[in-house]
Amino acid sequence: MTKSDRGTAVNRRSLLAAGALISAVEVSTAPAASAASSRYVRGMAVLRRVSGDRGAEVIESLSDVAPDLGRYVVEFAYGDVYARPGLDLRQRQLVTIGALAAQGDTAPQLRFHIDAALQVGLSPVEVVEALIHIVPFMGFPRALNAVNVARDVFADRGITFKPPAQTDGRDRYERGVQKLVEVDGQHGLDVVESLRDIAPDLGRYVVEFAFGDVYHRPWLTAPQRQLVTIGALTAFGDTAPQLRVHLGAALRVGLSRDQVVEALIHVVPYAGFPRVLNAVTVARDVFEELPG
């Protein structure tokens, strides 16, 4: 193998590692013109809207090892899922950011989708806010790693902005209770009360930190926050009780049942069918328990 060949191989491996759900131009791995499916054509059109011209080399890099994988990304992730009408592209990127950040080992894909989020119109503040929002659900390490990815994307794009900081001086528990009732209703208070006999401080932290600090931040709307939450809890898996609460909260703050189901379906390309099937079972139970 020549030095040039080795360089090409290394570049191909790096592109594969980038793993981004690819970009936007037909390349040699596209189906032949006579065999191109409507799903592929539709997927490439959506992909252009999401990613501009980025990522064509990733598709090309699959041609010698898994050309069908590139086709599946275009046809299924974009031609089937992203093309569905239930959520707009900004909403879909919030779900995606939540799902990828929650999994913790998806930095290349998160990089691609933070860039895509900016491409479809989310602001840098909204992107960072979505990453801060996952802390109560997934912990600080995943959020810190994701924010570092966002910093790199902003630098690549030449984006500078003044990040906002919370200045509300009210008592954290007071504002947390207010936000908890707004999002979860009486059920949220019941959960906190249920901890009083075993871990009262845990209940207080839920109120003060999760809702008084994080949920109270004004830089995402309540429906946007629930889209991030749904993406994160579904992708993480093993969170049925929490997902039940937050699917109900999503309906409470204004998302429709169709939008909730759409957010769950959107997670499939990022976390797979089993987690989404489990989440849909939770959603069915929530819908049956709530009026309307």
Protein backbone atom coordinates (compact mmCIF):
# COMPACT_ATOMS: atom_id res chain seq x y z
CA MET A 1 0.00 0.00 0.00
CA THR A 2 1.42 3.39 -0.98
CA LYS A 3 1.50 6.39 1.29
CA SER A 4 -1.29 7.89 -0.81
CA ASP A 5 -3.38 4.72 -0.44
CA ARG A 6 -2.86 4.72 3.31
CA GLY A 7 -3.93 8.35 3.47
CA THR A 8 -7.08 7.56 1.51
CA ALA A 9 -7.88 4.62 3.79
CA VAL A 10 -7.35 6.71 6.92
CA ASN A 11 -9.54 9.46 5.52
CA ARG A 12 -12.25 6.92 4.70
CA ARG A 13 -12.13 5.53 8.22
CA SER A 14 -12.38 9.01 9.70
CA LEU A 15 -15.39 9.74 7.54
CA LEU A 16 -17.02 6.52 8.63
CA ALA A 17 -16.33 7.41 12.25
CA ALA A 18 -17.97 10.76 11.65
CA GLY A 19 -21.02 8.69 10.96
CA ALA A 20 -23.09 11.78 10.35
CA LEU A 21 -26.49 11.12 8.91
CA ILE A 22 -25.16 12.37 5.72
CA SER A 23 -25.42 15.24 3.34
CA ALA A 24 -26.75 16.30 0.22
CA VAL A 25 -25.59 15.36 -3.23
CA GLU A 26 -26.03 12.23 -5.26
CA VAL A 27 -22.79 10.29 -5.36
CA SER A 28 -21.61 6.98 -6.73
CA THR A 29 -23.38 5.01 -4.00
CA ALA A 30 -26.80 6.34 -5.02
CA PRO A 31 -29.05 3.83 -6.74
CA ALA A 32 -28.73 3.76 -10.51
CA ALA A 33 -31.08 6.24 -12.16
CA SER A 34 -33.34 3.49 -13.45
CA ALA A 35 -33.61 1.97 -9.98
CA ALA A 36 -33.69 5.12 -7.84
CA SER A 37 -36.62 4.86 -5.52
CA SER A 38 -39.01 7.68 -4.69
CA ARG A 39 -37.86 7.24 -1.09
CA TYR A 40 -34.27 7.91 -2.06
CA VAL A 41 -35.17 10.99 -4.09
CA ARG A 42 -37.36 12.28 -1.28
CA GLY A 43 -34.67 11.51 1.28
CA MET A 44 -31.98 13.37 -0.63
CA ALA A 45 -34.24 16.41 -0.92
CA VAL A 46 -34.85 16.48 2.83
CA LEU A 47 -31.18 15.89 3.48
CA ARG A 48 -30.29 18.96 1.45
CA ARG A 49 -32.59 21.04 3.60
CA VAL A 50 -31.10 19.65 6.81
CA SER A 51 -27.41 19.63 5.99
CA GLY A 52 -26.74 21.82 3.00
CA ASP A 53 -23.88 20.30 1.03
CA ARG A 54 -22.12 18.58 3.93
CA GLY A 55 -21.61 14.86 4.13
CA ALA A 56 -21.46 13.67 0.53
CA GLU A 57 -18.00 12.24 1.22
CA VAL A 58 -19.45 10.10 4.01
CA ILE A 59 -21.76 8.41 1.54
CA GLU A 60 -18.87 7.97 -0.88
CA SER A 61 -16.74 6.49 1.87
CA LEU A 62 -19.24 3.65 2.26
CA SER A 63 -18.99 2.54 -1.35
CA ASP A 64 -16.22 0.00 -0.75
CA VAL A 65 -17.57 -1.51 2.47
CA ALA A 66 -21.35 -0.96 2.93
CA PRO A 67 -22.98 0.94 0.08
CA ASP A 68 -26.43 -0.22 1.15
CA LEU A 69 -25.89 1.45 4.52
CA GLY A 70 -25.65 4.82 2.82
CA ARG A 71 -28.80 4.05 0.87
CA TYR A 72 -30.65 3.05 4.05
CA VAL A 73 -29.66 6.32 5.71
CA VAL A 74 -31.06 8.31 2.81
CA GLU A 75 -34.17 6.21 2.23
CA PHE A 76 -35.19 5.42 5.79
CA ALA A 77 -33.82 8.16 8.05
CA TYR A 78 -34.58 10.99 5.64
CA GLY A 79 -36.95 9.62 3.00
CA ASP A 80 -39.23 7.92 5.52
CA VAL A 81 -38.76 9.50 8.95
CA TYR A 82 -37.57 13.07 8.43
CA ALA A 83 -40.02 13.57 5.54
CA ARG A 84 -43.02 12.88 7.77
CA PRO A 85 -45.20 15.99 8.27
CA GLY A 86 -45.86 15.78 12.02
CA LEU A 87 -42.90 17.91 13.19
CA ASP A 88 -40.95 20.66 11.47
CA LEU A 89 -37.18 20.38 10.99
CA ARG A 90 -36.34 22.56 13.97
CA GLN A 91 -38.48 20.38 16.23
CA ARG A 92 -36.89 17.24 14.77
CA GLN A 93 -33.40 18.55 15.49
CA LEU A 94 -34.34 19.19 19.12
CA VAL A 95 -35.48 15.58 19.44
CA THR A 96 -32.29 14.44 17.70
CA ILE A 97 -30.01 16.51 19.94
CA GLY A 98 -31.75 15.12 23.01
CA ALA A 99 -31.46 11.53 21.76
CA LEU A 100 -27.79 11.77 20.77
CA ALA A 101 -26.63 13.69 23.84
CA ALA A 102 -28.42 11.22 26.10
CA GLN A 103 -26.51 8.26 24.69
CA GLY A 104 -23.19 9.83 25.54
CA ASP A 105 -20.93 8.15 22.95
CA THR A 106 -22.16 9.87 19.80
CA ALA A 107 -19.94 12.96 19.53
CA PRO A 108 -19.40 12.75 15.73
CA GLN A 109 -23.12 12.38 15.07
CA LEU A 110 -23.95 15.08 17.62
CA ARG A 111 -21.51 17.40 15.88
CA PHE A 112 -23.28 16.83 12.57
CA HIS A 113 -26.72 17.40 14.05
CA ILE A 114 -25.81 20.50 16.03
CA ASP A 115 -24.59 21.93 12.73
CA ALA A 116 -27.85 20.77 11.11
CA ALA A 117 -29.85 22.41 13.91
CA LEU A 118 -28.20 25.73 13.07
CA GLN A 119 -28.77 25.04 9.37
CA VAL A 120 -32.54 24.68 9.84
CA GLY A 121 -32.89 27.77 12.01
CA LEU A 122 -32.27 26.97 15.66
CA SER A 123 -30.14 29.61 17.36
CA PRO A 124 -26.89 28.88 19.21
CA VAL A 125 -28.66 29.80 22.44
CA GLU A 126 -31.42 27.25 21.75
CA VAL A 127 -28.86 24.56 20.95
CA VAL A 128 -26.93 25.14 24.18
CA GLU A 129 -30.17 25.34 26.12
CA ALA A 130 -31.22 21.92 24.80
CA LEU A 131 -27.93 20.50 26.07
CA ILE A 132 -28.30 22.11 29.49
CA HIS A 133 -31.82 20.71 29.63
CA ILE A 134 -30.62 17.09 29.62
CA VAL A 135 -28.66 17.46 32.88
CA PRO A 136 -31.52 16.45 35.24
CA PHE A 137 -32.20 13.39 33.08
CA MET A 138 -28.74 12.24 31.98
CA GLY A 139 -26.28 13.96 34.31
CA PHE A 140 -23.52 16.52 33.97
CA PRO A 141 -20.87 14.44 32.13
CA ARG A 142 -23.01 13.89 29.02
CA ALA A 143 -24.09 17.53 28.99
CA LEU A 144 -20.53 18.78 29.45
CA ASN A 145 -19.28 16.59 26.61
CA ALA A 146 -22.12 17.74 24.37
CA VAL A 147 -21.46 21.42 25.12
CA ASN A 148 -17.83 20.91 24.11
CA VAL A 149 -19.06 19.50 20.79
CA ALA A 150 -21.30 22.54 20.35
CA ARG A 151 -18.37 24.86 21.06
CA ASP A 152 -16.42 23.22 18.23
CA VAL A 153 -19.33 23.56 15.81
CA PHE A 154 -19.75 27.23 16.67
CA ALA A 155 -16.03 27.79 16.14
CA ASP A 156 -16.12 26.06 12.76
CA ARG A 157 -19.00 28.30 11.71
CA GLY A 158 -17.39 31.44 13.11
CA ILE A 159 -20.31 31.95 15.48
CA THR A 160 -19.81 34.19 18.49
CA PHE A 161 -22.61 35.07 20.88
CA LYS A 162 -23.11 36.21 24.44
CA PRO A 163 -24.53 33.23 26.35
CA PRO A 164 -27.38 34.15 28.66
CA ALA A 165 -27.22 33.55 32.39
CA GLN A 166 -30.09 33.06 34.81
CA THR A 167 -30.76 36.14 36.93
CA ASP A 168 -34.10 35.38 38.60
CA GLY A 169 -33.55 36.14 42.26
CA ARG A 170 -36.67 34.43 43.60
CA ASP A 171 -36.43 31.49 45.97
CA ARG A 172 -35.48 28.43 43.91
CA TYR A 173 -37.99 26.15 45.61
CA GLU A 174 -40.79 28.66 45.10
CA ARG A 175 -40.15 29.10 41.40
CA GLY A 176 -39.54 25.35 41.07
CA VAL A 177 -42.94 24.49 42.50
CA GLN A 178 -44.53 26.99 40.12
CA LYS A 179 -42.82 25.46 37.10
CA LEU A 180 -43.43 21.88 38.25
CA VAL A 181 -47.18 22.49 38.50
CA GLU A 182 -47.15 24.25 35.13
CA VAL A 183 -45.43 21.30 33.44
CA ASP A 184 -46.59 18.24 35.39
CA GLY A 185 -49.65 19.41 37.28
CA GLN A 186 -50.55 17.96 40.67
CA HIS A 187 -48.91 14.66 39.72
CA GLY A 188 -45.49 16.32 39.93
CA LEU A 189 -46.13 17.47 43.47
CA ASP A 190 -47.38 13.98 44.36
CA VAL A 191 -44.06 12.51 43.18
CA VAL A 192 -42.13 14.93 45.38
CA GLU A 193 -44.39 14.20 48.35
CA SER A 194 -43.90 10.44 47.87
CA LEU A 195 -40.20 10.91 48.67
CA ARG A 196 -40.78 12.61 52.00
CA ASP A 197 -40.50 9.42 54.09
CA ILE A 198 -37.30 8.11 52.51
CA ALA A 199 -35.37 10.85 50.65
CA PRO A 200 -36.92 14.27 51.25
CA ASP A 201 -33.81 16.06 50.02
CA LEU A 202 -34.11 14.24 46.69
CA GLY A 203 -37.60 15.65 46.30
CA ARG A 204 -36.28 19.10 47.15
CA TYR A 205 -33.51 18.80 44.57
CA VAL A 206 -36.07 17.82 41.93
CA VAL A 207 -38.02 20.98 42.68
CA GLU A 208 -35.10 23.35 43.14
CA PHE A 209 -32.71 22.15 40.46
CA ALA A 210 -34.70 20.35 37.77
CA PHE A 211 -37.59 22.81 37.78
CA GLY A 212 -36.42 25.89 39.70
CA ASP A 213 -33.12 26.12 37.85
CA VAL A 214 -33.28 24.21 34.55
CA TYR A 215 -36.92 24.13 33.47
CA HIS A 216 -37.36 27.71 34.62
CA ARG A 217 -34.79 29.00 32.11
CA PRO A 218 -36.65 31.05 29.46
CA TRP A 219 -34.55 30.27 26.39
CA LEU A 220 -36.59 27.29 25.23
CA THR A 221 -40.37 27.09 25.23
CA ALA A 222 -42.11 24.42 27.30
CA PRO A 223 -43.02 22.37 24.17
CA GLN A 224 -39.41 22.57 22.96
CA ARG A 225 -38.16 21.31 26.31
CA GLN A 226 -40.52 18.37 26.20
CA LEU A 227 -39.32 17.42 22.72
CA VAL A 228 -35.73 17.34 24.03
CA THR A 229 -36.90 15.33 27.06
CA ILE A 230 -38.81 12.80 24.95
CA GLY A 231 -35.79 12.31 22.68
CA ALA A 232 -33.43 11.87 25.63
CA LEU A 233 -35.57 9.52 27.75
CA THR A 234 -36.54 7.36 24.78
CA ALA A 235 -33.00 7.00 23.47
CA PHE A 236 -31.56 6.32 26.92
CA GLY A 237 -34.00 3.47 27.54
CA ASP A 238 -35.13 1.91 30.83
CA THR A 239 -37.01 5.08 31.79
CA ALA A 240 -40.65 4.06 31.42
CA PRO A 241 -41.92 5.69 34.66
CA GLN A 242 -40.18 8.97 33.87
CA LEU A 243 -41.23 8.82 30.23
CA ARG A 244 -44.83 8.33 31.34
CA VAL A 245 -44.64 11.55 33.39
CA HIS A 246 -43.04 13.53 30.60
CA LEU A 247 -45.31 12.31 27.83
CA GLY A 248 -48.19 13.53 29.95
CA ALA A 249 -46.32 16.79 30.49
CA ALA A 250 -45.81 17.15 26.74
CA LEU A 251 -49.57 17.04 26.24
CA ARG A 252 -50.09 19.42 29.14
CA VAL A 253 -47.81 22.11 27.67
CA GLY A 254 -49.39 22.00 24.23
CA LEU A 255 -47.94 19.21 22.12
CA SER A 256 -50.58 17.09 20.40
CA ARG A 257 -50.79 13.31 20.60
CA ASP A 258 -49.70 13.14 16.97
CA GLN A 259 -46.62 15.26 17.75
CA VAL A 260 -45.74 13.07 20.73
CA VAL A 261 -45.92 9.92 18.60
CA GLU A 262 -43.96 11.66 15.85
CA ALA A 263 -41.20 12.54 18.31
CA LEU A 264 -41.00 8.87 19.34
CA ILE A 265 -40.86 7.65 15.74
CA HIS A 266 -38.12 10.19 15.04
CA VAL A 267 -35.85 8.50 17.59
CA VAL A 268 -35.75 5.20 15.64
CA PRO A 269 -32.76 6.06 13.39
CA TYR A 270 -30.75 7.13 16.45
CA ALA A 271 -31.65 4.56 19.11
CA GLY A 272 -33.36 1.70 17.27
CA PHE A 273 -36.76 0.07 17.23
CA PRO A 274 -36.79 -1.67 20.65
CA ARG A 275 -36.50 1.52 22.70
CA VAL A 276 -39.07 3.27 20.55
CA LEU A 277 -41.50 0.36 20.67
CA ASN A 278 -41.23 0.39 24.45
CA ALA A 279 -41.83 4.14 24.48
CA VAL A 280 -44.88 3.84 22.22
CA THR A 281 -46.35 1.32 24.68
CA VAL A 282 -45.93 3.92 27.42
CA ALA A 283 -47.55 6.55 25.20
CA ARG A 284 -50.55 4.30 24.57
CA ASP A 285 -51.09 3.96 28.30
CA VAL A 286 -50.79 7.72 28.81
CA PHE A 287 -53.27 8.46 26.03
CA GLU A 288 -55.77 5.97 27.46
CA GLU A 289 -55.54 7.52 30.91
CA LEU A 290 -55.98 11.13 29.78
CA PRO A 291 -59.16 12.64 28.35
CA GLY A 292 -59.28 13.70 24.72
